[in-house]
Amino acid sequence: MKINGPNSTNFNPYQKQIQKQQDVRMQQKNDQLHISKEAKMMQEADKPDQARMNLIEKIKADIDSDQYKVDTNAVAKKMLDFWSTKE
């Protein structure tokens, strides 16, 4: 008659932990990202429209050709209006 001791060859104290880790990995889902309709609309709103881009290109061309002139009186008036309404 052969009696095996407490350290049986079929006994692995770490087997349950390894099995739990494998089960957790199987249950974990991949990361997902969902962008709401509102966020998509905000992204579209951040893009400059074509009319604005045309205006910017015209101003750049005028600056490069020394054709762009600033109306200093209009700028000063707008600055005064802005700072006087801040109070």
PDB file of N, CA and C in Angstrom:
ATOM      1  N   MET A   1       0.841  -1.169   0.000  1.00  0.00           N
ATOM      2  CA  MET A   1       0.000   0.000   0.000  1.00  0.00           C
ATOM      3  C   MET A   1       0.886   1.231   0.000  1.00  0.00           C
ATOM      4  N   LYS A   2       0.514   2.211  -0.859  1.00  0.00           N
ATOM      5  CA  LYS A   2       1.301   3.434  -0.974  1.00  0.00           C
ATOM      6  C   LYS A   2       0.429   4.609  -0.538  1.00  0.00           C
ATOM      7  N   ILE A   3       0.933   5.434   0.364  1.00  0.00           N
ATOM      8  CA  ILE A   3       0.202   6.604   0.856  1.00  0.00           C
ATOM      9  C   ILE A   3       0.973   7.840   0.409  1.00  0.00           C
ATOM     10  N   ASN A   4       0.293   8.704  -0.309  1.00  0.00           N
ATOM     11  CA  ASN A   4       0.909   9.957  -0.745  1.00  0.00           C
ATOM     12  C   ASN A   4       0.780  10.986   0.361  1.00  0.00           C
ATOM     13  N   GLY A   5       1.793  11.806   0.503  1.00  0.00           N
ATOM     14  CA  GLY A   5       1.796  12.827   1.530  1.00  0.00           C
ATOM     15  C   GLY A   5       0.921  14.011   1.146  1.00  0.00           C
ATOM     16  N   PRO A   6       0.988  15.096   1.930  1.00  0.00           N
ATOM     17  CA  PRO A   6       0.140  16.267   1.656  1.00  0.00           C
ATOM     18  C   PRO A   6       0.543  16.982   0.361  1.00  0.00           C
ATOM     19  N   ASN A   7       1.745  16.775  -0.118  1.00  0.00           N
ATOM     20  CA  ASN A   7       2.201  17.431  -1.346  1.00  0.00           C
ATOM     21  C   ASN A   7       1.992  16.509  -2.534  1.00  0.00           C
ATOM     22  N   SER A   8       0.773  16.331  -2.882  1.00  0.00           N
ATOM     23  CA  SER A   8       0.430  15.484  -4.012  1.00  0.00           C
ATOM     24  C   SER A   8       0.900  16.142  -5.299  1.00  0.00           C
ATOM     25  N   THR A   9       1.220  15.368  -6.290  1.00  0.00           N
ATOM     26  CA  THR A   9       1.687  15.920  -7.560  1.00  0.00           C
ATOM     27  C   THR A   9       0.570  16.615  -8.313  1.00  0.00           C
ATOM     28  N   ASN A  10      -0.682  16.319  -7.998  1.00  0.00           N
ATOM     29  CA  ASN A  10      -1.815  16.954  -8.663  1.00  0.00           C
ATOM     30  C   ASN A  10      -2.241  18.246  -7.970  1.00  0.00           C
ATOM     31  N   PHE A  11      -1.619  18.560  -6.873  1.00  0.00           N
ATOM     32  CA  PHE A  11      -2.015  19.725  -6.089  1.00  0.00           C
ATOM     33  C   PHE A  11      -1.097  20.898  -6.426  1.00  0.00           C
ATOM     34  N   ASN A  12      -1.673  21.992  -6.905  1.00  0.00           N
ATOM     35  CA  ASN A  12      -0.920  23.199  -7.221  1.00  0.00           C
ATOM     36  C   ASN A  12      -1.627  24.359  -6.518  1.00  0.00           C
ATOM     37  N   PRO A  13      -1.026  24.943  -5.468  1.00  0.00           N
ATOM     38  CA  PRO A  13      -1.716  26.004  -4.719  1.00  0.00           C
ATOM     39  C   PRO A  13      -1.955  27.264  -5.545  1.00  0.00           C
ATOM     40  N   TYR A  14      -1.242  27.451  -6.629  1.00  0.00           N
ATOM     41  CA  TYR A  14      -1.390  28.656  -7.441  1.00  0.00           C
ATOM     42  C   TYR A  14      -2.359  28.462  -8.601  1.00  0.00           C
ATOM     43  N   GLN A  15      -2.857  27.261  -8.780  1.00  0.00           N
ATOM     44  CA  GLN A  15      -3.721  26.972  -9.920  1.00  0.00           C
ATOM     45  C   GLN A  15      -5.002  27.804  -9.887  1.00  0.00           C
ATOM     46  N   LYS A  16      -5.603  27.963  -8.700  1.00  0.00           N
ATOM     47  CA  LYS A  16      -6.832  28.753  -8.604  1.00  0.00           C
ATOM     48  C   LYS A  16      -6.564  30.210  -8.977  1.00  0.00           C
ATOM     49  N   GLN A  17      -5.444  30.764  -8.526  1.00  0.00           N
ATOM     50  CA  GLN A  17      -5.106  32.153  -8.838  1.00  0.00           C
ATOM     51  C   GLN A  17      -4.878  32.321 -10.337  1.00  0.00           C
ATOM     52  N   ILE A  18      -4.188  31.382 -10.938  1.00  0.00           N
ATOM     53  CA  ILE A  18      -3.937  31.451 -12.377  1.00  0.00           C
ATOM     54  C   ILE A  18      -5.260  31.370 -13.128  1.00  0.00           C
ATOM     55  N   GLN A  19      -6.139  30.489 -12.696  1.00  0.00           N
ATOM     56  CA  GLN A  19      -7.442  30.335 -13.345  1.00  0.00           C
ATOM     57  C   GLN A  19      -8.266  31.615 -13.206  1.00  0.00           C
ATOM     58  N   LYS A  20      -8.233  32.252 -12.024  1.00  0.00           N
ATOM     59  CA  LYS A  20      -8.966  33.504 -11.816  1.00  0.00           C
ATOM     60  C   LYS A  20      -8.443  34.593 -12.743  1.00  0.00           C
ATOM     61  N   GLN A  21      -7.132  34.700 -12.888  1.00  0.00           N
ATOM     62  CA  GLN A  21      -6.555  35.715 -13.756  1.00  0.00           C
ATOM     63  C   GLN A  21      -6.973  35.486 -15.201  1.00  0.00           C
ATOM     64  N   GLN A  22      -7.001  34.245 -15.626  1.00  0.00           N
ATOM     65  CA  GLN A  22      -7.413  33.946 -16.992  1.00  0.00           C
ATOM     66  C   GLN A  22      -8.885  34.278 -17.192  1.00  0.00           C
ATOM     67  N   ASP A  23      -9.712  33.989 -16.182  1.00  0.00           N
ATOM     68  CA  ASP A  23     -11.134  34.304 -16.282  1.00  0.00           C
ATOM     69  C   ASP A  23     -11.357  35.813 -16.368  1.00  0.00           C
ATOM     70  N   VAL A  24     -10.616  36.568 -15.576  1.00  0.00           N
ATOM     71  CA  VAL A  24     -10.751  38.030 -15.590  1.00  0.00           C
ATOM     72  C   VAL A  24     -10.347  38.572 -16.951  1.00  0.00           C
ATOM     73  N   ARG A  25      -9.282  38.067 -17.513  1.00  0.00           N
ATOM     74  CA  ARG A  25      -8.838  38.527 -18.840  1.00  0.00           C
ATOM     75  C   ARG A  25      -9.892  38.231 -19.892  1.00  0.00           C
ATOM     76  N   MET A  26     -10.545  37.097 -19.770  1.00  0.00           N
ATOM     77  CA  MET A  26     -11.572  36.732 -20.741  1.00  0.00           C
ATOM     78  C   MET A  26     -12.777  37.657 -20.618  1.00  0.00           C
ATOM     79  N   GLN A  27     -13.075  38.100 -19.384  1.00  0.00           N
ATOM     80  CA  GLN A  27     -14.247  38.928 -19.153  1.00  0.00           C
ATOM     81  C   GLN A  27     -14.001  40.390 -19.506  1.00  0.00           C
ATOM     82  N   GLN A  28     -12.759  40.827 -19.502  1.00  0.00           N
ATOM     83  CA  GLN A  28     -12.469  42.229 -19.781  1.00  0.00           C
ATOM     84  C   GLN A  28     -12.811  42.537 -21.231  1.00  0.00           C
ATOM     85  N   LYS A  29     -13.408  43.678 -21.426  1.00  0.00           N
ATOM     86  CA  LYS A  29     -13.760  44.112 -22.770  1.00  0.00           C
ATOM     87  C   LYS A  29     -12.680  45.048 -23.283  1.00  0.00           C
ATOM     88  N   ASN A  30     -12.649  45.186 -24.574  1.00  0.00           N
ATOM     89  CA  ASN A  30     -11.731  46.151 -25.171  1.00  0.00           C
ATOM     90  C   ASN A  30     -12.246  47.556 -24.910  1.00  0.00           C
ATOM     91  N   ASP A  31     -11.352  48.512 -24.892  1.00  0.00           N
ATOM     92  CA  ASP A  31     -11.750  49.902 -24.722  1.00  0.00           C
ATOM     93  C   ASP A  31     -12.534  50.349 -25.947  1.00  0.00           C
ATOM     94  N   GLN A  32     -13.563  51.119 -25.701  1.00  0.00           N
ATOM     95  CA  GLN A  32     -14.375  51.638 -26.785  1.00  0.00           C
ATOM     96  C   GLN A  32     -14.602  53.121 -26.560  1.00  0.00           C
ATOM     97  N   LEU A  33     -14.724  53.840 -27.642  1.00  0.00           N
ATOM     98  CA  LEU A  33     -14.965  55.271 -27.584  1.00  0.00           C
ATOM     99  C   LEU A  33     -16.157  55.590 -28.466  1.00  0.00           C
ATOM    100  N   HIS A  34     -17.146  56.246 -27.886  1.00  0.00           N
ATOM    101  CA  HIS A  34     -18.326  56.661 -28.630  1.00  0.00           C
ATOM    102  C   HIS A  34     -18.407  58.180 -28.554  1.00  0.00           C
ATOM    103  N   ILE A  35     -18.499  58.811 -29.706  1.00  0.00           N
ATOM    104  CA  ILE A  35     -18.615  60.270 -29.767  1.00  0.00           C
ATOM    105  C   ILE A  35     -20.083  60.603 -30.019  1.00  0.00           C
ATOM    106  N   SER A  36     -20.634  61.433 -29.166  1.00  0.00           N
ATOM    107  CA  SER A  36     -22.047  61.782 -29.276  1.00  0.00           C
ATOM    108  C   SER A  36     -22.288  62.691 -30.479  1.00  0.00           C
ATOM    109  N   LYS A  37     -23.551  62.804 -30.855  1.00  0.00           N
ATOM    110  CA  LYS A  37     -23.923  63.670 -31.974  1.00  0.00           C
ATOM    111  C   LYS A  37     -23.572  65.120 -31.661  1.00  0.00           C
ATOM    112  N   GLU A  38     -23.771  65.518 -30.401  1.00  0.00           N
ATOM    113  CA  GLU A  38     -23.469  66.894 -30.006  1.00  0.00           C
ATOM    114  C   GLU A  38     -21.974  67.177 -30.145  1.00  0.00           C
ATOM    115  N   ALA A  39     -21.146  66.220 -29.764  1.00  0.00           N
ATOM    116  CA  ALA A  39     -19.698  66.409 -29.881  1.00  0.00           C
ATOM    117  C   ALA A  39     -19.284  66.499 -31.344  1.00  0.00           C
ATOM    118  N   LYS A  40     -19.908  65.699 -32.193  1.00  0.00           N
ATOM    119  CA  LYS A  40     -19.600  65.762 -33.626  1.00  0.00           C
ATOM    120  C   LYS A  40     -20.004  67.114 -34.198  1.00  0.00           C
ATOM    121  N   MET A  41     -21.148  67.628 -33.743  1.00  0.00           N
ATOM    122  CA  MET A  41     -21.586  68.942 -34.217  1.00  0.00           C
ATOM    123  C   MET A  41     -20.624  70.028 -33.750  1.00  0.00           C
ATOM    124  N   MET A  42     -20.117  69.896 -32.519  1.00  0.00           N
ATOM    125  CA  MET A  42     -19.162  70.883 -32.011  1.00  0.00           C
ATOM    126  C   MET A  42     -17.860  70.837 -32.807  1.00  0.00           C
ATOM    127  N   GLN A  43     -17.426  69.647 -33.197  1.00  0.00           N
ATOM    128  CA  GLN A  43     -16.216  69.529 -34.000  1.00  0.00           C
ATOM    129  C   GLN A  43     -16.411  70.186 -35.359  1.00  0.00           C
ATOM    130  N   GLU A  44     -17.584  70.017 -35.946  1.00  0.00           N
ATOM    131  CA  GLU A  44     -17.866  70.642 -37.232  1.00  0.00           C
ATOM    132  C   GLU A  44     -17.927  72.163 -37.088  1.00  0.00           C
ATOM    133  N   ALA A  45     -18.453  72.641 -35.966  1.00  0.00           N
ATOM    134  CA  ALA A  45     -18.569  74.084 -35.749  1.00  0.00           C
ATOM    135  C   ALA A  45     -17.198  74.724 -35.573  1.00  0.00           C
ATOM    136  N   ASP A  46     -16.230  73.967 -35.069  1.00  0.00           N
ATOM    137  CA  ASP A  46     -14.890  74.511 -34.871  1.00  0.00           C
ATOM    138  C   ASP A  46     -14.144  74.720 -36.184  1.00  0.00           C
ATOM    139  N   LYS A  47     -14.559  74.030 -37.229  1.00  0.00           N
ATOM    140  CA  LYS A  47     -13.888  74.179 -38.520  1.00  0.00           C
ATOM    141  C   LYS A  47     -14.304  75.511 -39.142  1.00  0.00           C
ATOM    142  N   PRO A  48     -13.347  76.272 -39.656  1.00  0.00           N
ATOM    143  CA  PRO A  48     -13.708  77.550 -40.276  1.00  0.00           C
ATOM    144  C   PRO A  48     -14.462  77.311 -41.587  1.00  0.00           C
ATOM    145  N   ASP A  49     -15.471  78.153 -41.829  1.00  0.00           N
ATOM    146  CA  ASP A  49     -16.220  77.989 -43.061  1.00  0.00           C
ATOM    147  C   ASP A  49     -15.473  78.622 -44.236  1.00  0.00           C
ATOM    148  N   GLN A  50     -15.930  78.330 -45.428  1.00  0.00           N
ATOM    149  CA  GLN A  50     -15.223  78.749 -46.641  1.00  0.00           C
ATOM    150  C   GLN A  50     -15.227  80.269 -46.792  1.00  0.00           C
ATOM    151  N   ALA A  51     -16.313  80.945 -46.436  1.00  0.00           N
ATOM    152  CA  ALA A  51     -16.378  82.402 -46.568  1.00  0.00           C
ATOM    153  C   ALA A  51     -15.324  83.062 -45.680  1.00  0.00           C
ATOM    154  N   ARG A  52     -15.172  82.552 -44.468  1.00  0.00           N
ATOM    155  CA  ARG A  52     -14.163  83.102 -43.549  1.00  0.00           C
ATOM    156  C   ARG A  52     -12.761  82.863 -44.086  1.00  0.00           C
ATOM    157  N   MET A  53     -12.518  81.676 -44.627  1.00  0.00           N
ATOM    158  CA  MET A  53     -11.201  81.363 -45.185  1.00  0.00           C
ATOM    159  C   MET A  53     -10.881  82.281 -46.369  1.00  0.00           C
ATOM    160  N   ASN A  54     -11.892  82.563 -47.201  1.00  0.00           N
ATOM    161  CA  ASN A  54     -11.683  83.472 -48.332  1.00  0.00           C
ATOM    162  C   ASN A  54     -11.328  84.870 -47.835  1.00  0.00           C
ATOM    163  N   LEU A  55     -12.008  85.341 -46.790  1.00  0.00           N
ATOM    164  CA  LEU A  55     -11.718  86.657 -46.227  1.00  0.00           C
ATOM    165  C   LEU A  55     -10.297  86.706 -45.672  1.00  0.00           C
ATOM    166  N   ILE A  56      -9.882  85.659 -44.986  1.00  0.00           N
ATOM    167  CA  ILE A  56      -8.525  85.607 -44.425  1.00  0.00           C
ATOM    168  C   ILE A  56      -7.488  85.630 -45.539  1.00  0.00           C
ATOM    169  N   GLU A  57      -7.728  84.870 -46.603  1.00  0.00           N
ATOM    170  CA  GLU A  57      -6.786  84.842 -47.730  1.00  0.00           C
ATOM    171  C   GLU A  57      -6.703  86.216 -48.402  1.00  0.00           C
ATOM    172  N   LYS A  58      -7.847  86.911 -48.515  1.00  0.00           N
ATOM    173  CA  LYS A  58      -7.847  88.249 -49.124  1.00  0.00           C
ATOM    174  C   LYS A  58      -7.039  89.220 -48.264  1.00  0.00           C
ATOM    175  N   ILE A  59      -7.236  89.165 -46.952  1.00  0.00           N
ATOM    176  CA  ILE A  59      -6.496  90.056 -46.048  1.00  0.00           C
ATOM    177  C   ILE A  59      -5.005  89.749 -46.106  1.00  0.00           C
ATOM    178  N   LYS A  60      -4.636  88.476 -46.145  1.00  0.00           N
ATOM    179  CA  LYS A  60      -3.218  88.104 -46.250  1.00  0.00           C
ATOM    180  C   LYS A  60      -2.604  88.638 -47.535  1.00  0.00           C
ATOM    181  N   ALA A  61      -3.350  88.516 -48.627  1.00  0.00           N
ATOM    182  CA  ALA A  61      -2.847  89.012 -49.914  1.00  0.00           C
ATOM    183  C   ALA A  61      -2.694  90.529 -49.875  1.00  0.00           C
ATOM    184  N   ASP A  62      -3.668  91.223 -49.265  1.00  0.00           N
ATOM    185  CA  ASP A  62      -3.580  92.683 -49.148  1.00  0.00           C
ATOM    186  C   ASP A  62      -2.386  93.096 -48.292  1.00  0.00           C
ATOM    187  N   ILE A  63      -2.115  92.371 -47.223  1.00  0.00           N
ATOM    188  CA  ILE A  63      -0.969  92.685 -46.362  1.00  0.00           C
ATOM    189  C   ILE A  63       0.332  92.474 -47.120  1.00  0.00           C
ATOM    190  N   ASP A  64       0.423  91.372 -47.853  1.00  0.00           N
ATOM    191  CA  ASP A  64       1.644  91.077 -48.610  1.00  0.00           C
ATOM    192  C   ASP A  64       1.909  92.113 -49.694  1.00  0.00           C
ATOM    193  N   SER A  65       0.848  92.667 -50.278  1.00  0.00           N
ATOM    194  CA  SER A  65       1.026  93.644 -51.356  1.00  0.00           C
ATOM    195  C   SER A  65       0.944  95.085 -50.851  1.00  0.00           C
ATOM    196  N   ASP A  66       0.991  95.285 -49.547  1.00  0.00           N
ATOM    197  CA  ASP A  66       0.920  96.616 -48.921  1.00  0.00           C
ATOM    198  C   ASP A  66      -0.345  97.378 -49.314  1.00  0.00           C
ATOM    199  N   GLN A  67      -1.429  96.691 -49.552  1.00  0.00           N
ATOM    200  CA  GLN A  67      -2.708  97.305 -49.888  1.00  0.00           C
ATOM    201  C   GLN A  67      -3.618  97.418 -48.664  1.00  0.00           C
ATOM    202  N   TYR A  68      -3.297  96.704 -47.595  1.00  0.00           N
ATOM    203  CA  TYR A  68      -4.158  96.652 -46.413  1.00  0.00           C
ATOM    204  C   TYR A  68      -3.946  97.898 -45.570  1.00  0.00           C
ATOM    205  N   LYS A  69      -5.018  98.612 -45.321  1.00  0.00           N
ATOM    206  CA  LYS A  69      -4.968  99.832 -44.519  1.00  0.00           C
ATOM    207  C   LYS A  69      -5.922  99.687 -43.337  1.00  0.00           C
ATOM    208  N   VAL A  70      -5.474 100.099 -42.172  1.00  0.00           N
ATOM    209  CA  VAL A  70      -6.276 100.021 -40.961  1.00  0.00           C
ATOM    210  C   VAL A  70      -6.873 101.391 -40.681  1.00  0.00           C
ATOM    211  N   ASP A  71      -8.177 101.428 -40.445  1.00  0.00           N
ATOM    212  CA  ASP A  71      -8.855 102.669 -40.083  1.00  0.00           C
ATOM    213  C   ASP A  71      -8.672 102.855 -38.579  1.00  0.00           C
ATOM    214  N   THR A  72      -7.715 103.689 -38.207  1.00  0.00           N
ATOM    215  CA  THR A  72      -7.365 103.852 -36.793  1.00  0.00           C
ATOM    216  C   THR A  72      -8.509 104.454 -35.986  1.00  0.00           C
ATOM    217  N   ASN A  73      -9.281 105.341 -36.596  1.00  0.00           N
ATOM    218  CA  ASN A  73     -10.415 105.943 -35.882  1.00  0.00           C
ATOM    219  C   ASN A  73     -11.468 104.888 -35.541  1.00  0.00           C
ATOM    220  N   ALA A  74     -11.739 103.979 -36.461  1.00  0.00           N
ATOM    221  CA  ALA A  74     -12.727 102.927 -36.212  1.00  0.00           C
ATOM    222  C   ALA A  74     -12.224 101.976 -35.124  1.00  0.00           C
ATOM    223  N   VAL A  75     -10.930 101.657 -35.141  1.00  0.00           N
ATOM    224  CA  VAL A  75     -10.361 100.776 -34.123  1.00  0.00           C
ATOM    225  C   VAL A  75     -10.450 101.438 -32.748  1.00  0.00           C
ATOM    226  N   ALA A  76     -10.100 102.724 -32.674  1.00  0.00           N
ATOM    227  CA  ALA A  76     -10.148 103.441 -31.399  1.00  0.00           C
ATOM    228  C   ALA A  76     -11.582 103.514 -30.875  1.00  0.00           C
ATOM    229  N   LYS A  77     -12.548 103.766 -31.760  1.00  0.00           N
ATOM    230  CA  LYS A  77     -13.947 103.838 -31.339  1.00  0.00           C
ATOM    231  C   LYS A  77     -14.423 102.489 -30.795  1.00  0.00           C
ATOM    232  N   LYS A  78     -14.068 101.405 -31.476  1.00  0.00           N
ATOM    233  CA  LYS A  78     -14.485 100.078 -31.008  1.00  0.00           C
ATOM    234  C   LYS A  78     -13.832  99.731 -29.675  1.00  0.00           C
ATOM    235  N   MET A  79     -12.588 100.160 -29.483  1.00  0.00           N
ATOM    236  CA  MET A  79     -11.915  99.913 -28.209  1.00  0.00           C
ATOM    237  C   MET A  79     -12.609 100.674 -27.084  1.00  0.00           C
ATOM    238  N   LEU A  80     -12.961 101.936 -27.338  1.00  0.00           N
ATOM    239  CA  LEU A  80     -13.668 102.726 -26.329  1.00  0.00           C
ATOM    240  C   LEU A  80     -15.032 102.118 -26.008  1.00  0.00           C
ATOM    241  N   ASP A  81     -15.749 101.694 -27.047  1.00  0.00           N
ATOM    242  CA  ASP A  81     -17.058 101.074 -26.827  1.00  0.00           C
ATOM    243  C   ASP A  81     -16.921  99.794 -26.005  1.00  0.00           C
ATOM    244  N   PHE A  82     -15.920  98.998 -26.308  1.00  0.00           N
ATOM    245  CA  PHE A  82     -15.716  97.736 -25.598  1.00  0.00           C
ATOM    246  C   PHE A  82     -15.411  97.979 -24.128  1.00  0.00           C
ATOM    247  N   TRP A  83     -14.478  98.873 -23.843  1.00  0.00           N
ATOM    248  CA  TRP A  83     -14.068  99.089 -22.454  1.00  0.00           C
ATOM    249  C   TRP A  83     -15.090  99.890 -21.659  1.00  0.00           C
ATOM    250  N   SER A  84     -15.888 100.702 -22.324  1.00  0.00           N
ATOM    251  CA  SER A  84     -16.896 101.467 -21.587  1.00  0.00           C
ATOM    252  C   SER A  84     -18.099 100.592 -21.222  1.00  0.00           C
ATOM    253  N   THR A  85     -18.369  99.540 -21.967  1.00  0.00           N
ATOM    254  CA  THR A  85     -19.494  98.659 -21.643  1.00  0.00           C
ATOM    255  C   THR A  85     -19.091  97.538 -20.690  1.00  0.00           C
ATOM    256  N   LYS A  86     -17.816  97.385 -20.356  1.00  0.00           N
ATOM    257  CA  LYS A  86     -17.338  96.340 -19.449  1.00  0.00           C
ATOM    258  C   LYS A  86     -17.721  96.618 -17.999  1.00  0.00           C
ATOM    259  N   GLU A  87     -17.993  97.834 -17.651  1.00  0.00           N
ATOM    260  CA  GLU A  87     -18.265  98.203 -16.260  1.00  0.00           C
ATOM    261  C   GLU A  87     -19.554  97.712 -15.831  1.00  0.00           C
TER     262      GLU A  87
END
